[in-house]
Amino acid sequence: MKKLFLFSMLLTITLPINSGVRCSDFNMQEEAQRYYEPHHAYHLDRDRDGEACECLPGGSKYGSSRCKKY
């Protein structure tokens, strides 16, 4: 039982967690894109156009009214 508990704790600690990464964690769209592609972090691309965090500087929608923060 102890081995099972230790194994489950180790597995939980070592699993990569990328769902906690947000666009606000990046300064530029290019940085977000570099993270997005190998990690398949689809939550960074809500409109599913292949461009992660397009509202960040360097993104195609940067400065548009669509990118307004509330």
PDB file of N, CA and C in Angstrom:
ATOM      1  N   MET A   1       0.823  -1.194   0.000  1.00  0.00           N
ATOM      2  CA  MET A   1       0.000   0.000   0.000  1.00  0.00           C
ATOM      3  C   MET A   1       0.870   1.262   0.000  1.00  0.00           C
ATOM      4  N   LYS A   2       1.961   1.210   0.768  1.00  0.00           N
ATOM      5  CA  LYS A   2       2.859   2.361   0.809  1.00  0.00           C
ATOM      6  C   LYS A   2       3.486   2.611  -0.559  1.00  0.00           C
ATOM      7  N   LYS A   3       3.834   1.522  -1.255  1.00  0.00           N
ATOM      8  CA  LYS A   3       4.433   1.664  -2.578  1.00  0.00           C
ATOM      9  C   LYS A   3       3.452   2.313  -3.556  1.00  0.00           C
ATOM     10  N   LEU A   4       2.211   1.917  -3.487  1.00  0.00           N
ATOM     11  CA  LEU A   4       1.191   2.493  -4.359  1.00  0.00           C
ATOM     12  C   LEU A   4       1.018   3.982  -4.077  1.00  0.00           C
ATOM     13  N   PHE A   5       0.994   4.338  -2.825  1.00  0.00           N
ATOM     14  CA  PHE A   5       0.869   5.746  -2.446  1.00  0.00           C
ATOM     15  C   PHE A   5       2.065   6.553  -2.942  1.00  0.00           C
ATOM     16  N   LEU A   6       3.263   6.033  -2.721  1.00  0.00           N
ATOM     17  CA  LEU A   6       4.472   6.730  -3.168  1.00  0.00           C
ATOM     18  C   LEU A   6       4.507   6.860  -4.688  1.00  0.00           C
ATOM     19  N   PHE A   7       4.123   5.812  -5.379  1.00  0.00           N
ATOM     20  CA  PHE A   7       4.096   5.849  -6.837  1.00  0.00           C
ATOM     21  C   PHE A   7       3.110   6.898  -7.340  1.00  0.00           C
ATOM     22  N   SER A   8       1.927   6.946  -6.749  1.00  0.00           N
ATOM     23  CA  SER A   8       0.929   7.927  -7.189  1.00  0.00           C
ATOM     24  C   SER A   8       1.373   9.356  -6.882  1.00  0.00           C
ATOM     25  N   MET A   9       2.050   9.558  -5.770  1.00  0.00           N
ATOM     26  CA  MET A   9       2.565  10.890  -5.447  1.00  0.00           C
ATOM     27  C   MET A   9       3.657  11.302  -6.431  1.00  0.00           C
ATOM     28  N   LEU A  10       4.546  10.384  -6.743  1.00  0.00           N
ATOM     29  CA  LEU A  10       5.627  10.659  -7.687  1.00  0.00           C
ATOM     30  C   LEU A  10       5.065  10.969  -9.070  1.00  0.00           C
ATOM     31  N   LEU A  11       4.096  10.215  -9.498  1.00  0.00           N
ATOM     32  CA  LEU A  11       3.471  10.435 -10.796  1.00  0.00           C
ATOM     33  C   LEU A  11       2.792  11.794 -10.854  1.00  0.00           C
ATOM     34  N   THR A  12       2.107  12.163  -9.813  1.00  0.00           N
ATOM     35  CA  THR A  12       1.422  13.451  -9.751  1.00  0.00           C
ATOM     36  C   THR A  12       2.408  14.607  -9.798  1.00  0.00           C
ATOM     37  N   ILE A  13       3.501  14.479  -9.123  1.00  0.00           N
ATOM     38  CA  ILE A  13       4.502  15.547  -9.067  1.00  0.00           C
ATOM     39  C   ILE A  13       5.227  15.704 -10.400  1.00  0.00           C
ATOM     40  N   THR A  14       5.480  14.608 -11.102  1.00  0.00           N
ATOM     41  CA  THR A  14       6.293  14.664 -12.313  1.00  0.00           C
ATOM     42  C   THR A  14       5.507  14.894 -13.594  1.00  0.00           C
ATOM     43  N   LEU A  15       4.205  14.792 -13.574  1.00  0.00           N
ATOM     44  CA  LEU A  15       3.425  15.016 -14.792  1.00  0.00           C
ATOM     45  C   LEU A  15       3.520  16.472 -15.219  1.00  0.00           C
ATOM     46  N   PRO A  16       3.739  16.716 -16.500  1.00  0.00           N
ATOM     47  CA  PRO A  16       3.784  18.108 -16.965  1.00  0.00           C
ATOM     48  C   PRO A  16       2.396  18.727 -16.926  1.00  0.00           C
ATOM     49  N   ILE A  17       2.332  19.922 -16.441  1.00  0.00           N
ATOM     50  CA  ILE A  17       1.052  20.624 -16.363  1.00  0.00           C
ATOM     51  C   ILE A  17       1.181  21.882 -17.197  1.00  0.00           C
ATOM     52  N   ASN A  18       0.567  21.903 -18.379  1.00  0.00           N
ATOM     53  CA  ASN A  18       0.648  23.084 -19.220  1.00  0.00           C
ATOM     54  C   ASN A  18      -0.660  23.852 -19.267  1.00  0.00           C
ATOM     55  N   SER A  19      -1.701  23.322 -18.646  1.00  0.00           N
ATOM     56  CA  SER A  19      -2.978  24.018 -18.680  1.00  0.00           C
ATOM     57  C   SER A  19      -2.959  25.279 -17.822  1.00  0.00           C
ATOM     58  N   GLY A  20      -1.982  25.406 -16.921  1.00  0.00           N
ATOM     59  CA  GLY A  20      -1.885  26.594 -16.092  1.00  0.00           C
ATOM     60  C   GLY A  20      -1.177  27.746 -16.782  1.00  0.00           C
ATOM     61  N   VAL A  21      -0.615  27.495 -17.955  1.00  0.00           N
ATOM     62  CA  VAL A  21       0.091  28.532 -18.700  1.00  0.00           C
ATOM     63  C   VAL A  21      -0.932  29.389 -19.429  1.00  0.00           C
ATOM     64  N   ARG A  22      -0.767  30.698 -19.310  1.00  0.00           N
ATOM     65  CA  ARG A  22      -1.704  31.640 -19.939  1.00  0.00           C
ATOM     66  C   ARG A  22      -0.949  32.604 -20.828  1.00  0.00           C
ATOM     67  N   CYS A  23      -1.685  33.297 -21.673  1.00  0.00           N
ATOM     68  CA  CYS A  23      -1.064  34.294 -22.550  1.00  0.00           C
ATOM     69  C   CYS A  23      -0.356  35.368 -21.730  1.00  0.00           C
ATOM     70  N   SER A  24      -0.870  35.671 -20.570  1.00  0.00           N
ATOM     71  CA  SER A  24      -0.258  36.704 -19.731  1.00  0.00           C
ATOM     72  C   SER A  24       1.114  36.284 -19.194  1.00  0.00           C
ATOM     73  N   ASP A  25       1.456  35.009 -19.336  1.00  0.00           N
ATOM     74  CA  ASP A  25       2.773  34.533 -18.920  1.00  0.00           C
ATOM     75  C   ASP A  25       3.862  34.862 -19.940  1.00  0.00           C
ATOM     76  N   PHE A  26       3.470  35.347 -21.110  1.00  0.00           N
ATOM     77  CA  PHE A  26       4.413  35.655 -22.179  1.00  0.00           C
ATOM     78  C   PHE A  26       4.418  37.151 -22.465  1.00  0.00           C
ATOM     79  N   ASN A  27       5.546  37.656 -22.938  1.00  0.00           N
ATOM     80  CA  ASN A  27       5.658  39.073 -23.304  1.00  0.00           C
ATOM     81  C   ASN A  27       5.345  39.323 -24.769  1.00  0.00           C
ATOM     82  N   MET A  28       5.645  38.359 -25.610  1.00  0.00           N
ATOM     83  CA  MET A  28       5.464  38.499 -27.054  1.00  0.00           C
ATOM     84  C   MET A  28       4.719  37.281 -27.603  1.00  0.00           C
ATOM     85  N   GLN A  29       4.012  37.484 -28.706  1.00  0.00           N
ATOM     86  CA  GLN A  29       3.285  36.396 -29.345  1.00  0.00           C
ATOM     87  C   GLN A  29       4.236  35.288 -29.787  1.00  0.00           C
ATOM     88  N   GLU A  30       5.395  35.665 -30.249  1.00  0.00           N
ATOM     89  CA  GLU A  30       6.375  34.684 -30.719  1.00  0.00           C
ATOM     90  C   GLU A  30       6.775  33.711 -29.605  1.00  0.00           C
ATOM     91  N   GLU A  31       6.917  34.210 -28.393  1.00  0.00           N
ATOM     92  CA  GLU A  31       7.250  33.344 -27.250  1.00  0.00           C
ATOM     93  C   GLU A  31       6.133  32.333 -27.013  1.00  0.00           C
ATOM     94  N   ALA A  32       4.901  32.833 -27.046  1.00  0.00           N
ATOM     95  CA  ALA A  32       3.749  31.960 -26.830  1.00  0.00           C
ATOM     96  C   ALA A  32       3.660  30.903 -27.925  1.00  0.00           C
ATOM     97  N   GLN A  33       3.946  31.293 -29.156  1.00  0.00           N
ATOM     98  CA  GLN A  33       3.897  30.361 -30.281  1.00  0.00           C
ATOM     99  C   GLN A  33       4.949  29.261 -30.122  1.00  0.00           C
ATOM    100  N   ARG A  34       6.133  29.639 -29.676  1.00  0.00           N
ATOM    101  CA  ARG A  34       7.199  28.643 -29.464  1.00  0.00           C
ATOM    102  C   ARG A  34       6.796  27.636 -28.381  1.00  0.00           C
ATOM    103  N   TYR A  35       6.057  28.075 -27.388  1.00  0.00           N
ATOM    104  CA  TYR A  35       5.584  27.165 -26.341  1.00  0.00           C
ATOM    105  C   TYR A  35       4.416  26.314 -26.854  1.00  0.00           C
ATOM    106  N   TYR A  36       3.515  26.960 -27.569  1.00  0.00           N
ATOM    107  CA  TYR A  36       2.281  26.330 -28.049  1.00  0.00           C
ATOM    108  C   TYR A  36       2.539  25.103 -28.921  1.00  0.00           C
ATOM    109  N   GLU A  37       3.446  25.229 -29.866  1.00  0.00           N
ATOM    110  CA  GLU A  37       3.641  24.167 -30.852  1.00  0.00           C
ATOM    111  C   GLU A  37       4.128  22.839 -30.257  1.00  0.00           C
ATOM    112  N   PRO A  38       5.199  22.791 -29.493  1.00  0.00           N
ATOM    113  CA  PRO A  38       5.630  21.481 -28.980  1.00  0.00           C
ATOM    114  C   PRO A  38       4.770  20.949 -27.832  1.00  0.00           C
ATOM    115  N   HIS A  39       4.097  21.828 -27.112  1.00  0.00           N
ATOM    116  CA  HIS A  39       3.317  21.389 -25.954  1.00  0.00           C
ATOM    117  C   HIS A  39       1.842  21.164 -26.270  1.00  0.00           C
ATOM    118  N   HIS A  40       1.418  21.485 -27.475  1.00  0.00           N
ATOM    119  CA  HIS A  40       0.011  21.348 -27.872  1.00  0.00           C
ATOM    120  C   HIS A  40      -0.905  22.037 -26.863  1.00  0.00           C
ATOM    121  N   ALA A  41      -0.532  23.241 -26.500  1.00  0.00           N
ATOM    122  CA  ALA A  41      -1.274  24.017 -25.501  1.00  0.00           C
ATOM    123  C   ALA A  41      -2.422  24.750 -26.196  1.00  0.00           C
ATOM    124  N   TYR A  42      -3.451  23.991 -26.562  1.00  0.00           N
ATOM    125  CA  TYR A  42      -4.547  24.526 -27.364  1.00  0.00           C
ATOM    126  C   TYR A  42      -5.322  25.634 -26.665  1.00  0.00           C
ATOM    127  N   HIS A  43      -5.249  25.696 -25.356  1.00  0.00           N
ATOM    128  CA  HIS A  43      -5.948  26.752 -24.629  1.00  0.00           C
ATOM    129  C   HIS A  43      -5.337  28.129 -24.901  1.00  0.00           C
ATOM    130  N   LEU A  44      -4.148  28.178 -25.502  1.00  0.00           N
ATOM    131  CA  LEU A  44      -3.540  29.459 -25.869  1.00  0.00           C
ATOM    132  C   LEU A  44      -4.044  29.950 -27.227  1.00  0.00           C
ATOM    133  N   ASP A  45      -4.824  29.139 -27.914  1.00  0.00           N
ATOM    134  CA  ASP A  45      -5.367  29.477 -29.232  1.00  0.00           C
ATOM    135  C   ASP A  45      -6.871  29.238 -29.222  1.00  0.00           C
ATOM    136  N   ARG A  46      -7.599  30.155 -28.642  1.00  0.00           N
ATOM    137  CA  ARG A  46      -9.034  29.956 -28.455  1.00  0.00           C
ATOM    138  C   ARG A  46      -9.832  29.907 -29.751  1.00  0.00           C
ATOM    139  N   ASP A  47      -9.387  30.628 -30.779  1.00  0.00           N
ATOM    140  CA  ASP A  47     -10.135  30.610 -32.038  1.00  0.00           C
ATOM    141  C   ASP A  47      -9.656  29.514 -32.994  1.00  0.00           C
ATOM    142  N   ARG A  48      -8.712  28.709 -32.559  1.00  0.00           N
ATOM    143  CA  ARG A  48      -8.217  27.542 -33.295  1.00  0.00           C
ATOM    144  C   ARG A  48      -7.712  27.875 -34.705  1.00  0.00           C
ATOM    145  N   ASP A  49      -7.012  29.005 -34.830  1.00  0.00           N
ATOM    146  CA  ASP A  49      -6.461  29.387 -36.132  1.00  0.00           C
ATOM    147  C   ASP A  49      -4.979  29.057 -36.249  1.00  0.00           C
ATOM    148  N   GLY A  50      -4.417  28.432 -35.218  1.00  0.00           N
ATOM    149  CA  GLY A  50      -3.014  28.047 -35.247  1.00  0.00           C
ATOM    150  C   GLY A  50      -2.070  29.107 -34.710  1.00  0.00           C
ATOM    151  N   GLU A  51      -2.601  30.270 -34.353  1.00  0.00           N
ATOM    152  CA  GLU A  51      -1.777  31.356 -33.812  1.00  0.00           C
ATOM    153  C   GLU A  51      -2.092  31.520 -32.327  1.00  0.00           C
ATOM    154  N   ALA A  52      -1.112  31.236 -31.508  1.00  0.00           N
ATOM    155  CA  ALA A  52      -1.294  31.340 -30.058  1.00  0.00           C
ATOM    156  C   ALA A  52      -1.189  32.785 -29.609  1.00  0.00           C
ATOM    157  N   CYS A  53      -2.066  33.191 -28.732  1.00  0.00           N
ATOM    158  CA  CYS A  53      -2.005  34.505 -28.078  1.00  0.00           C
ATOM    159  C   CYS A  53      -1.833  35.651 -29.076  1.00  0.00           C
ATOM    160  N   GLU A  54      -2.679  35.698 -30.084  1.00  0.00           N
ATOM    161  CA  GLU A  54      -2.541  36.716 -31.125  1.00  0.00           C
ATOM    162  C   GLU A  54      -2.756  38.142 -30.639  1.00  0.00           C
ATOM    163  N   CYS A  55      -3.223  38.317 -29.425  1.00  0.00           N
ATOM    164  CA  CYS A  55      -3.419  39.662 -28.878  1.00  0.00           C
ATOM    165  C   CYS A  55      -2.150  40.225 -28.232  1.00  0.00           C
ATOM    166  N   LEU A  56      -1.133  39.405 -28.104  1.00  0.00           N
ATOM    167  CA  LEU A  56       0.141  39.890 -27.561  1.00  0.00           C
ATOM    168  C   LEU A  56       0.896  40.679 -28.628  1.00  0.00           C
ATOM    169  N   PRO A  57       1.829  41.538 -28.213  1.00  0.00           N
ATOM    170  CA  PRO A  57       2.640  42.269 -29.196  1.00  0.00           C
ATOM    171  C   PRO A  57       3.299  41.301 -30.187  1.00  0.00           C
ATOM    172  N   GLY A  58       3.156  41.630 -31.464  1.00  0.00           N
ATOM    173  CA  GLY A  58       3.681  40.774 -32.522  1.00  0.00           C
ATOM    174  C   GLY A  58       2.635  39.861 -33.115  1.00  0.00           C
ATOM    175  N   GLY A  59       1.482  39.764 -32.464  1.00  0.00           N
ATOM    176  CA  GLY A  59       0.401  38.921 -32.967  1.00  0.00           C
ATOM    177  C   GLY A  59      -0.450  39.654 -33.988  1.00  0.00           C
ATOM    178  N   SER A  60      -1.209  38.904 -34.775  1.00  0.00           N
ATOM    179  CA  SER A  60      -1.990  39.495 -35.859  1.00  0.00           C
ATOM    180  C   SER A  60      -3.132  40.381 -35.378  1.00  0.00           C
ATOM    181  N   LYS A  61      -3.594  40.189 -34.159  1.00  0.00           N
ATOM    182  CA  LYS A  61      -4.715  40.983 -33.657  1.00  0.00           C
ATOM    183  C   LYS A  61      -4.295  41.985 -32.579  1.00  0.00           C
ATOM    184  N   TYR A  62      -2.983  42.158 -32.391  1.00  0.00           N
ATOM    185  CA  TYR A  62      -2.485  43.068 -31.362  1.00  0.00           C
ATOM    186  C   TYR A  62      -3.023  44.473 -31.584  1.00  0.00           C
ATOM    187  N   GLY A  63      -3.584  45.069 -30.545  1.00  0.00           N
ATOM    188  CA  GLY A  63      -4.098  46.430 -30.607  1.00  0.00           C
ATOM    189  C   GLY A  63      -5.535  46.527 -31.070  1.00  0.00           C
ATOM    190  N   SER A  64      -6.147  45.432 -31.477  1.00  0.00           N
ATOM    191  CA  SER A  64      -7.535  45.501 -31.935  1.00  0.00           C
ATOM    192  C   SER A  64      -8.473  45.562 -30.734  1.00  0.00           C
ATOM    193  N   SER A  65      -9.678  46.024 -30.988  1.00  0.00           N
ATOM    194  CA  SER A  65     -10.660  46.130 -29.908  1.00  0.00           C
ATOM    195  C   SER A  65     -11.028  44.749 -29.373  1.00  0.00           C
ATOM    196  N   ARG A  66     -10.810  43.736 -30.160  1.00  0.00           N
ATOM    197  CA  ARG A  66     -11.104  42.372 -29.737  1.00  0.00           C
ATOM    198  C   ARG A  66     -10.203  41.935 -28.579  1.00  0.00           C
ATOM    199  N   CYS A  67      -9.043  42.574 -28.454  1.00  0.00           N
ATOM    200  CA  CYS A  67      -8.059  42.196 -27.447  1.00  0.00           C
ATOM    201  C   CYS A  67      -8.169  43.014 -26.165  1.00  0.00           C
ATOM    202  N   LYS A  68      -9.231  43.725 -26.017  1.00  0.00           N
ATOM    203  CA  LYS A  68      -9.420  44.560 -24.836  1.00  0.00           C
ATOM    204  C   LYS A  68      -9.469  43.695 -23.582  1.00  0.00           C
ATOM    205  N   LYS A  69      -8.749  44.085 -22.559  1.00  0.00           N
ATOM    206  CA  LYS A  69      -8.781  43.349 -21.288  1.00  0.00           C
ATOM    207  C   LYS A  69      -9.875  43.934 -20.409  1.00  0.00           C
ATOM    208  N   TYR A  70     -10.611  43.050 -19.759  1.00  0.00           N
ATOM    209  CA  TYR A  70     -11.693  43.500 -18.877  1.00  0.00           C
ATOM    210  C   TYR A  70     -11.294  43.342 -17.438  1.00  0.00           C
TER     211      TYR A  70
END
